[in-house]
PDB file of N, CA and C in Angstrom:
ATOM      1  N   MET A   1     -47.005  -1.946  -0.765  1.00  0.00           N
ATOM      2  CA  MET A   1     -46.717  -0.937   0.232  1.00  0.00           C
ATOM      3  C   MET A   1     -45.212  -0.829   0.411  1.00  0.00           C
ATOM      4  N   TYR A   2     -44.789   0.373   0.647  1.00  0.00           N
ATOM      5  CA  TYR A   2     -43.376   0.656   0.853  1.00  0.00           C
ATOM      6  C   TYR A   2     -43.233   1.402   2.175  1.00  0.00           C
ATOM      7  N   PRO A   3     -42.409   0.911   3.103  1.00  0.00           N
ATOM      8  CA  PRO A   3     -42.215   1.627   4.365  1.00  0.00           C
ATOM      9  C   PRO A   3     -41.619   3.012   4.103  1.00  0.00           C
ATOM     10  N   LEU A   4     -42.062   3.992   4.895  1.00  0.00           N
ATOM     11  CA  LEU A   4     -41.503   5.341   4.796  1.00  0.00           C
ATOM     12  C   LEU A   4     -40.367   5.492   5.786  1.00  0.00           C
ATOM     13  N   PRO A   5     -39.347   6.250   5.472  1.00  0.00           N
ATOM     14  CA  PRO A   5     -39.167   6.936   4.197  1.00  0.00           C
ATOM     15  C   PRO A   5     -38.807   5.942   3.093  1.00  0.00           C
ATOM     16  N   THR A   6     -39.138   6.302   1.868  1.00  0.00           N
ATOM     17  CA  THR A   6     -38.796   5.470   0.717  1.00  0.00           C
ATOM     18  C   THR A   6     -38.088   6.333  -0.314  1.00  0.00           C
ATOM     19  N   THR A   7     -37.625   5.701  -1.370  1.00  0.00           N
ATOM     20  CA  THR A   7     -36.907   6.435  -2.414  1.00  0.00           C
ATOM     21  C   THR A   7     -37.618   6.268  -3.751  1.00  0.00           C
ATOM     22  N   SER A   8     -37.332   7.172  -4.642  1.00  0.00           N
ATOM     23  CA  SER A   8     -37.867   7.086  -5.993  1.00  0.00           C
ATOM     24  C   SER A   8     -37.404   5.796  -6.667  1.00  0.00           C
ATOM     25  N   GLN A   9     -36.153   5.420  -6.450  1.00  0.00           N
ATOM     26  CA  GLN A   9     -35.606   4.208  -7.070  1.00  0.00           C
ATOM     27  C   GLN A   9     -36.360   2.960  -6.607  1.00  0.00           C
ATOM     28  N   ARG A  10     -36.705   2.914  -5.340  1.00  0.00           N
ATOM     29  CA  ARG A  10     -37.436   1.764  -4.801  1.00  0.00           C
ATOM     30  C   ARG A  10     -38.837   1.674  -5.413  1.00  0.00           C
ATOM     31  N   LEU A  11     -39.502   2.820  -5.533  1.00  0.00           N
ATOM     32  CA  LEU A  11     -40.835   2.846  -6.131  1.00  0.00           C
ATOM     33  C   LEU A  11     -40.785   2.477  -7.609  1.00  0.00           C
ATOM     34  N   VAL A  12     -39.794   2.993  -8.320  1.00  0.00           N
ATOM     35  CA  VAL A  12     -39.644   2.687  -9.745  1.00  0.00           C
ATOM     36  C   VAL A  12     -39.416   1.188  -9.935  1.00  0.00           C
ATOM     37  N   ALA A  13     -38.561   0.592  -9.114  1.00  0.00           N
ATOM     38  CA  ALA A  13     -38.293  -0.850  -9.227  1.00  0.00           C
ATOM     39  C   ALA A  13     -39.557  -1.666  -8.959  1.00  0.00           C
ATOM     40  N   GLY A  14     -40.337  -1.270  -7.978  1.00  0.00           N
ATOM     41  CA  GLY A  14     -41.546  -2.005  -7.634  1.00  0.00           C
ATOM     42  C   GLY A  14     -42.682  -1.835  -8.620  1.00  0.00           C
ATOM     43  N   ASN A  15     -42.603  -0.819  -9.474  1.00  0.00           N
ATOM     44  CA  ASN A  15     -43.645  -0.559 -10.461  1.00  0.00           C
ATOM     45  C   ASN A  15     -43.138  -0.717 -11.891  1.00  0.00           C
ATOM     46  N   SER A  16     -41.987  -1.355 -12.054  1.00  0.00           N
ATOM     47  CA  SER A  16     -41.409  -1.528 -13.386  1.00  0.00           C
ATOM     48  C   SER A  16     -42.240  -2.498 -14.222  1.00  0.00           C
ATOM     49  N   THR A  17     -42.094  -2.412 -15.521  1.00  0.00           N
ATOM     50  CA  THR A  17     -42.804  -3.314 -16.424  1.00  0.00           C
ATOM     51  C   THR A  17     -42.456  -4.763 -16.111  1.00  0.00           C
ATOM     52  N   GLU A  18     -41.194  -5.026 -15.839  1.00  0.00           N
ATOM     53  CA  GLU A  18     -40.761  -6.389 -15.514  1.00  0.00           C
ATOM     54  C   GLU A  18     -41.479  -6.911 -14.269  1.00  0.00           C
ATOM     55  N   THR A  19     -41.566  -6.085 -13.241  1.00  0.00           N
ATOM     56  CA  THR A  19     -42.242  -6.493 -12.008  1.00  0.00           C
ATOM     57  C   THR A  19     -43.727  -6.721 -12.250  1.00  0.00           C
ATOM     58  N   LEU A  20     -44.337  -5.848 -13.045  1.00  0.00           N
ATOM     59  CA  LEU A  20     -45.778  -5.940 -13.266  1.00  0.00           C
ATOM     60  C   LEU A  20     -46.182  -7.117 -14.144  1.00  0.00           C
ATOM     61  N   LEU A  21     -45.330  -7.497 -15.088  1.00  0.00           N
ATOM     62  CA  LEU A  21     -45.707  -8.538 -16.043  1.00  0.00           C
ATOM     63  C   LEU A  21     -45.253  -9.942 -15.661  1.00  0.00           C
ATOM     64  N   ASN A  22     -44.400 -10.064 -14.658  1.00  0.00           N
ATOM     65  CA  ASN A  22     -43.910 -11.379 -14.249  1.00  0.00           C
ATOM     66  C   ASN A  22     -44.512 -11.789 -12.910  1.00  0.00           C
ATOM     67  N   PRO A  23     -44.720 -13.094 -12.721  1.00  0.00           N
ATOM     68  CA  PRO A  23     -45.262 -13.564 -11.441  1.00  0.00           C
ATOM     69  C   PRO A  23     -44.351 -13.157 -10.283  1.00  0.00           C
ATOM     70  N   GLN A  24     -44.963 -12.787  -9.181  1.00  0.00           N
ATOM     71  CA  GLN A  24     -44.222 -12.401  -7.984  1.00  0.00           C
ATOM     72  C   GLN A  24     -44.563 -13.379  -6.864  1.00  0.00           C
ATOM     73  N   PRO A  25     -43.593 -13.701  -6.019  1.00  0.00           N
ATOM     74  CA  PRO A  25     -43.880 -14.624  -4.916  1.00  0.00           C
ATOM     75  C   PRO A  25     -44.863 -13.997  -3.930  1.00  0.00           C
ATOM     76  N   ILE A  26     -45.663 -14.842  -3.319  1.00  0.00           N
ATOM     77  CA  ILE A  26     -46.577 -14.367  -2.289  1.00  0.00           C
ATOM     78  C   ILE A  26     -46.169 -14.967  -0.954  1.00  0.00           C
ATOM     79  N   GLN A  27     -46.611 -14.341   0.102  1.00  0.00           N
ATOM     80  CA  GLN A  27     -46.276 -14.806   1.436  1.00  0.00           C
ATOM     81  C   GLN A  27     -47.515 -14.677   2.309  1.00  0.00           C
ATOM     82  N   VAL A  28     -47.877 -15.754   2.975  1.00  0.00           N
ATOM     83  CA  VAL A  28     -49.006 -15.726   3.895  1.00  0.00           C
ATOM     84  C   VAL A  28     -48.494 -15.218   5.235  1.00  0.00           C
ATOM     85  N   ASN A  29     -49.145 -14.213   5.756  1.00  0.00           N
ATOM     86  CA  ASN A  29     -48.749 -13.646   7.046  1.00  0.00           C
ATOM     87  C   ASN A  29     -49.606 -14.250   8.148  1.00  0.00           C
ATOM     88  N   LYS A  30     -48.997 -15.113   8.948  1.00  0.00           N
ATOM     89  CA  LYS A  30     -49.689 -15.718  10.084  1.00  0.00           C
ATOM     90  C   LYS A  30     -48.885 -15.425  11.328  1.00  0.00           C
ATOM     91  N   PRO A  31     -49.434 -14.710  12.260  1.00  0.00           N
ATOM     92  CA  PRO A  31     -50.748 -14.070  12.236  1.00  0.00           C
ATOM     93  C   PRO A  31     -50.748 -12.905  11.256  1.00  0.00           C
ATOM     94  N   PRO A  32     -51.928 -12.382  10.924  1.00  0.00           N
ATOM     95  CA  PRO A  32     -51.993 -11.256   9.992  1.00  0.00           C
ATOM     96  C   PRO A  32     -51.157 -10.076  10.482  1.00  0.00           C
ATOM     97  N   MET A  33     -50.617  -9.337   9.530  1.00  0.00           N
ATOM     98  CA  MET A  33     -49.826  -8.157   9.881  1.00  0.00           C
ATOM     99  C   MET A  33     -50.719  -7.105  10.532  1.00  0.00           C
ATOM    100  N   PRO A  34     -50.163  -6.335  11.461  1.00  0.00           N
ATOM    101  CA  PRO A  34     -50.945  -5.224  12.013  1.00  0.00           C
ATOM    102  C   PRO A  34     -51.127  -4.145  10.943  1.00  0.00           C
ATOM    103  N   VAL A  35     -52.077  -3.274  11.165  1.00  0.00           N
ATOM    104  CA  VAL A  35     -52.301  -2.169  10.234  1.00  0.00           C
ATOM    105  C   VAL A  35     -51.062  -1.276  10.239  1.00  0.00           C
ATOM    106  N   LEU A  36     -50.559  -0.983   9.052  1.00  0.00           N
ATOM    107  CA  LEU A  36     -49.384  -0.126   8.913  1.00  0.00           C
ATOM    108  C   LEU A  36     -49.820   1.241   8.413  1.00  0.00           C
ATOM    109  N   ASN A  37     -49.405   2.285   9.102  1.00  0.00           N
ATOM    110  CA  ASN A  37     -49.772   3.637   8.689  1.00  0.00           C
ATOM    111  C   ASN A  37     -48.621   4.387   8.048  1.00  0.00           C
ATOM    112  N   ASN A  38     -47.404   4.114   8.474  1.00  0.00           N
ATOM    113  CA  ASN A  38     -46.251   4.865   7.990  1.00  0.00           C
ATOM    114  C   ASN A  38     -45.702   4.208   6.718  1.00  0.00           C
ATOM    115  N   VAL A  39     -46.552   4.194   5.675  1.00  0.00           N
ATOM    116  CA  VAL A  39     -46.222   3.514   4.425  1.00  0.00           C
ATOM    117  C   VAL A  39     -46.661   4.354   3.230  1.00  0.00           C
ATOM    118  N   TRP A  40     -46.154   3.981   2.074  1.00  0.00           N
ATOM    119  CA  TRP A  40     -46.568   4.534   0.776  1.00  0.00           C
ATOM    120  C   TRP A  40     -47.359   3.428   0.099  1.00  0.00           C
ATOM    121  N   VAL A  41     -48.639   3.650  -0.146  1.00  0.00           N
ATOM    122  CA  VAL A  41     -49.510   2.679  -0.803  1.00  0.00           C
ATOM    123  C   VAL A  41     -49.735   3.178  -2.221  1.00  0.00           C
ATOM    124  N   ASN A  42     -49.602   2.292  -3.207  1.00  0.00           N
ATOM    125  CA  ASN A  42     -49.789   2.749  -4.585  1.00  0.00           C
ATOM    126  C   ASN A  42     -50.409   1.686  -5.471  1.00  0.00           C
ATOM    127  N   LYS A  43     -50.974   2.152  -6.587  1.00  0.00           N
ATOM    128  CA  LYS A  43     -51.566   1.274  -7.599  1.00  0.00           C
ATOM    129  C   LYS A  43     -51.481   1.999  -8.929  1.00  0.00           C
ATOM    130  N   ASN A  44     -51.115   1.271  -9.971  1.00  0.00           N
ATOM    131  CA  ASN A  44     -51.097   1.873 -11.299  1.00  0.00           C
ATOM    132  C   ASN A  44     -51.912   1.008 -12.244  1.00  0.00           C
ATOM    133  N   GLY A  45     -52.239   1.570 -13.387  1.00  0.00           N
ATOM    134  CA  GLY A  45     -52.991   0.801 -14.363  1.00  0.00           C
ATOM    135  C   GLY A  45     -53.191   1.583 -15.644  1.00  0.00           C
ATOM    136  N   SER A  46     -53.619   0.872 -16.669  1.00  0.00           N
ATOM    137  CA  SER A  46     -53.911   1.520 -17.946  1.00  0.00           C
ATOM    138  C   SER A  46     -54.845   0.628 -18.746  1.00  0.00           C
ATOM    139  N   THR A  47     -55.596   1.260 -19.629  1.00  0.00           N
ATOM    140  CA  THR A  47     -56.485   0.528 -20.518  1.00  0.00           C
ATOM    141  C   THR A  47     -56.831   1.406 -21.712  1.00  0.00           C
ATOM    142  N   ASN A  48     -56.852   0.817 -22.873  1.00  0.00           N
ATOM    143  CA  ASN A  48     -57.251   1.510 -24.103  1.00  0.00           C
ATOM    144  C   ASN A  48     -56.584   2.875 -24.283  1.00  0.00           C
ATOM    145  N   GLY A  49     -55.313   2.976 -23.938  1.00  0.00           N
ATOM    146  CA  GLY A  49     -54.590   4.223 -24.152  1.00  0.00           C
ATOM    147  C   GLY A  49     -54.693   5.231 -23.029  1.00  0.00           C
ATOM    148  N   PHE A  50     -55.389   4.907 -21.946  1.00  0.00           N
ATOM    149  CA  PHE A  50     -55.497   5.796 -20.795  1.00  0.00           C
ATOM    150  C   PHE A  50     -54.625   5.248 -19.680  1.00  0.00           C
ATOM    151  N   GLY A  51     -53.990   6.132 -18.905  1.00  0.00           N
ATOM    152  CA  GLY A  51     -53.119   5.690 -17.827  1.00  0.00           C
ATOM    153  C   GLY A  51     -53.521   6.308 -16.502  1.00  0.00           C
ATOM    154  N   ALA A  52     -53.226   5.605 -15.405  1.00  0.00           N
ATOM    155  CA  ALA A  52     -53.561   6.107 -14.077  1.00  0.00           C
ATOM    156  C   ALA A  52     -52.526   5.642 -13.059  1.00  0.00           C
ATOM    157  N   TYR A  53     -52.388   6.422 -11.992  1.00  0.00           N
ATOM    158  CA  TYR A  53     -51.529   6.060 -10.866  1.00  0.00           C
ATOM    159  C   TYR A  53     -52.111   6.729  -9.630  1.00  0.00           C
ATOM    160  N   ILE A  54     -52.156   5.988  -8.536  1.00  0.00           N
ATOM    161  CA  ILE A  54     -52.618   6.536  -7.266  1.00  0.00           C
ATOM    162  C   ILE A  54     -51.594   6.186  -6.198  1.00  0.00           C
ATOM    163  N   ALA A  55     -51.316   7.134  -5.333  1.00  0.00           N
ATOM    164  CA  ALA A  55     -50.417   6.905  -4.201  1.00  0.00           C
ATOM    165  C   ALA A  55     -51.019   7.591  -2.985  1.00  0.00           C
ATOM    166  N   TYR A  56     -50.839   6.965  -1.814  1.00  0.00           N
ATOM    167  CA  TYR A  56     -51.429   7.476  -0.583  1.00  0.00           C
ATOM    168  C   TYR A  56     -50.496   7.187   0.580  1.00  0.00           C
ATOM    169  N   MET A  57     -50.333   8.167   1.464  1.00  0.00           N
ATOM    170  CA  MET A  57     -49.554   7.997   2.685  1.00  0.00           C
ATOM    171  C   MET A  57     -50.493   8.236   3.868  1.00  0.00           C
ATOM    172  N   PRO A  58     -50.978   7.160   4.506  1.00  0.00           N
ATOM    173  CA  PRO A  58     -51.943   7.318   5.595  1.00  0.00           C
ATOM    174  C   PRO A  58     -51.464   8.223   6.730  1.00  0.00           C
ATOM    175  N   THR A  59     -50.189   8.123   7.112  1.00  0.00           N
ATOM    176  CA  THR A  59     -49.671   8.944   8.202  1.00  0.00           C
ATOM    177  C   THR A  59     -49.821  10.426   7.904  1.00  0.00           C
ATOM    178  N   GLU A  60     -49.581  10.792   6.661  1.00  0.00           N
ATOM    179  CA  GLU A  60     -49.665  12.194   6.252  1.00  0.00           C
ATOM    180  C   GLU A  60     -51.083  12.605   5.864  1.00  0.00           C
ATOM    181  N   LYS A  61     -51.972  11.606   5.728  1.00  0.00           N
ATOM    182  CA  LYS A  61     -53.320  11.867   5.217  1.00  0.00           C
ATOM    183  C   LYS A  61     -53.227  12.634   3.903  1.00  0.00           C
ATOM    184  N   THR A  62     -52.302  12.159   3.068  1.00  0.00           N
ATOM    185  CA  THR A  62     -52.008  12.809   1.796  1.00  0.00           C
ATOM    186  C   THR A  62     -51.937  11.764   0.696  1.00  0.00           C
ATOM    187  N   GLY A  63     -52.431  12.123  -0.464  1.00  0.00           N
ATOM    188  CA  GLY A  63     -52.358  11.216  -1.594  1.00  0.00           C
ATOM    189  C   GLY A  63     -52.420  11.981  -2.898  1.00  0.00           C
ATOM    190  N   ILE A  64     -52.275  11.249  -3.981  1.00  0.00           N
ATOM    191  CA  ILE A  64     -52.329  11.849  -5.307  1.00  0.00           C
ATOM    192  C   ILE A  64     -52.944  10.846  -6.273  1.00  0.00           C
ATOM    193  N   VAL A  65     -53.718  11.357  -7.203  1.00  0.00           N
ATOM    194  CA  VAL A  65     -54.270  10.546  -8.286  1.00  0.00           C
ATOM    195  C   VAL A  65     -53.838  11.202  -9.588  1.00  0.00           C
ATOM    196  N   ILE A  66     -53.200  10.431 -10.447  1.00  0.00           N
ATOM    197  CA  ILE A  66     -52.771  10.931 -11.749  1.00  0.00           C
ATOM    198  C   ILE A  66     -53.572  10.189 -12.813  1.00  0.00           C
ATOM    199  N   LEU A  67     -54.312  10.939 -13.606  1.00  0.00           N
ATOM    200  CA  LEU A  67     -55.089  10.375 -14.710  1.00  0.00           C
ATOM    201  C   LEU A  67     -54.613  11.021 -16.001  1.00  0.00           C
ATOM    202  N   ALA A  68     -54.453  10.235 -17.034  1.00  0.00           N
ATOM    203  CA  ALA A  68     -53.988  10.783 -18.309  1.00  0.00           C
ATOM    204  C   ALA A  68     -54.742  10.142 -19.460  1.00  0.00           C
ATOM    205  N   ASN A  69     -55.032  10.937 -20.469  1.00  0.00           N
ATOM    206  CA  ASN A  69     -55.698  10.380 -21.643  1.00  0.00           C
ATOM    207  C   ASN A  69     -54.670   9.878 -22.652  1.00  0.00           C
ATOM    208  N   LYS A  70     -53.514   9.537 -22.120  1.00  0.00           N
ATOM    209  CA  LYS A  70     -52.438   8.921 -22.885  1.00  0.00           C
ATOM    210  C   LYS A  70     -51.768   7.930 -21.939  1.00  0.00           C
ATOM    211  N   ASN A  71     -51.336   6.812 -22.441  1.00  0.00           N
ATOM    212  CA  ASN A  71     -50.713   5.811 -21.586  1.00  0.00           C
ATOM    213  C   ASN A  71     -49.227   6.119 -21.400  1.00  0.00           C
ATOM    214  N   TYR A  72     -48.930   7.063 -20.497  1.00  0.00           N
ATOM    215  CA  TYR A  72     -47.541   7.359 -20.169  1.00  0.00           C
ATOM    216  C   TYR A  72     -46.940   6.150 -19.461  1.00  0.00           C
ATOM    217  N   PRO A  73     -45.647   5.903 -19.605  1.00  0.00           N
ATOM    218  CA  PRO A  73     -45.025   4.760 -18.929  1.00  0.00           C
ATOM    219  C   PRO A  73     -45.227   4.825 -17.408  1.00  0.00           C
ATOM    220  N   ASN A  74     -45.386   3.658 -16.785  1.00  0.00           N
ATOM    221  CA  ASN A  74     -45.560   3.588 -15.332  1.00  0.00           C
ATOM    222  C   ASN A  74     -44.477   4.361 -14.602  1.00  0.00           C
ATOM    223  N   ILE A  75     -43.254   4.213 -15.052  1.00  0.00           N
ATOM    224  CA  ILE A  75     -42.122   4.844 -14.377  1.00  0.00           C
ATOM    225  C   ILE A  75     -42.298   6.358 -14.315  1.00  0.00           C
ATOM    226  N   GLU A  76     -42.769   6.965 -15.386  1.00  0.00           N
ATOM    227  CA  GLU A  76     -42.955   8.419 -15.403  1.00  0.00           C
ATOM    228  C   GLU A  76     -44.061   8.848 -14.443  1.00  0.00           C
ATOM    229  N   ARG A  77     -45.108   8.040 -14.342  1.00  0.00           N
ATOM    230  CA  ARG A  77     -46.193   8.353 -13.402  1.00  0.00           C
ATOM    231  C   ARG A  77     -45.691   8.263 -11.965  1.00  0.00           C
ATOM    232  N   VAL A  78     -44.914   7.224 -11.668  1.00  0.00           N
ATOM    233  CA  VAL A  78     -44.370   7.036 -10.319  1.00  0.00           C
ATOM    234  C   VAL A  78     -43.440   8.191  -9.964  1.00  0.00           C
ATOM    235  N   LYS A  79     -42.559   8.554 -10.881  1.00  0.00           N
ATOM    236  CA  LYS A  79     -41.621   9.653 -10.622  1.00  0.00           C
ATOM    237  C   LYS A  79     -42.353  10.971 -10.384  1.00  0.00           C
ATOM    238  N   ALA A  80     -43.395  11.236 -11.157  1.00  0.00           N
ATOM    239  CA  ALA A  80     -44.161  12.478 -10.984  1.00  0.00           C
ATOM    240  C   ALA A  80     -44.819  12.517  -9.606  1.00  0.00           C
ATOM    241  N   ALA A  81     -45.432  11.414  -9.200  1.00  0.00           N
ATOM    242  CA  ALA A  81     -46.078  11.361  -7.885  1.00  0.00           C
ATOM    243  C   ALA A  81     -45.047  11.522  -6.774  1.00  0.00           C
ATOM    244  N   TYR A  82     -43.907  10.856  -6.907  1.00  0.00           N
ATOM    245  CA  TYR A  82     -42.867  10.952  -5.882  1.00  0.00           C
ATOM    246  C   TYR A  82     -42.348  12.387  -5.774  1.00  0.00           C
ATOM    247  N   THR A  83     -42.145  13.037  -6.902  1.00  0.00           N
ATOM    248  CA  THR A  83     -41.651  14.419  -6.890  1.00  0.00           C
ATOM    249  C   THR A  83     -42.584  15.322  -6.092  1.00  0.00           C
ATOM    250  N   ILE A  84     -43.876  15.100  -6.226  1.00  0.00           N
ATOM    251  CA  ILE A  84     -44.856  15.921  -5.511  1.00  0.00           C
ATOM    252  C   ILE A  84     -44.967  15.506  -4.046  1.00  0.00           C
ATOM    253  N   LEU A  85     -45.145  14.205  -3.784  1.00  0.00           N
ATOM    254  CA  LEU A  85     -45.394  13.748  -2.416  1.00  0.00           C
ATOM    255  C   LEU A  85     -44.145  13.694  -1.544  1.00  0.00           C
ATOM    256  N   ALA A  86     -42.970  13.641  -2.126  1.00  0.00           N
ATOM    257  CA  ALA A  86     -41.738  13.574  -1.332  1.00  0.00           C
ATOM    258  C   ALA A  86     -41.509  14.849  -0.540  1.00  0.00           C
ATOM    259  N   LYS A  87     -42.263  15.876  -0.831  1.00  0.00           N
ATOM    260  CA  LYS A  87     -42.118  17.139  -0.106  1.00  0.00           C
ATOM    261  C   LYS A  87     -42.823  17.110   1.245  1.00  0.00           C
ATOM    262  N   THR A  88     -43.596  16.052   1.518  1.00  0.00           N
ATOM    263  CA  THR A  88     -44.254  15.945   2.819  1.00  0.00           C
ATOM    264  C   THR A  88     -43.230  15.487   3.850  1.00  0.00           C
ATOM    265  N   PRO A  89     -43.389  15.864   5.107  1.00  0.00           N
ATOM    266  CA  PRO A  89     -42.372  15.571   6.127  1.00  0.00           C
ATOM    267  C   PRO A  89     -42.010  14.096   6.283  1.00  0.00           C
ATOM    268  N   THR A  90     -42.972  13.200   6.370  1.00  0.00           N
ATOM    269  CA  THR A  90     -42.684  11.790   6.637  1.00  0.00           C
ATOM    270  C   THR A  90     -42.071  11.083   5.442  1.00  0.00           C
ATOM    271  N   ALA A  91     -42.434  11.462   4.248  1.00  0.00           N
ATOM    272  CA  ALA A  91     -42.004  10.748   3.047  1.00  0.00           C
ATOM    273  C   ALA A  91     -40.505  10.784   2.840  1.00  0.00           C
ATOM    274  N   ASN A  92     -39.855  11.801   3.308  1.00  0.00           N
ATOM    275  CA  ASN A  92     -38.456  11.994   2.945  1.00  0.00           C
ATOM    276  C   ASN A  92     -37.556  12.223   4.153  1.00  0.00           C
ATOM    277  N   GLN A  93     -37.888  11.651   5.293  1.00  0.00           N
ATOM    278  CA  GLN A  93     -37.061  11.850   6.491  1.00  0.00           C
ATOM    279  C   GLN A  93     -35.823  11.002   6.433  1.00  0.00           C
TER     280      GLN A  93
END
């Protein structure tokens, strides 16, 4: 999750090949974090030459799903989603 407003550069860094393929530190939240609505939630993936990316902004009740029958690089999927969703009011304040 990325707090809004966010930038394309921040999303690209968080979804880079290096970030995805290397172990990342975890942190236990005690007490649990409250539900966050003003965020950008995303997930990417690929298998057997197919690629996907999903992004959702709960505050805006807006999201996007990108499916491709070709495994486009994660960065290109993230940039495409950001270009479309950054036009919503909360995403780019």
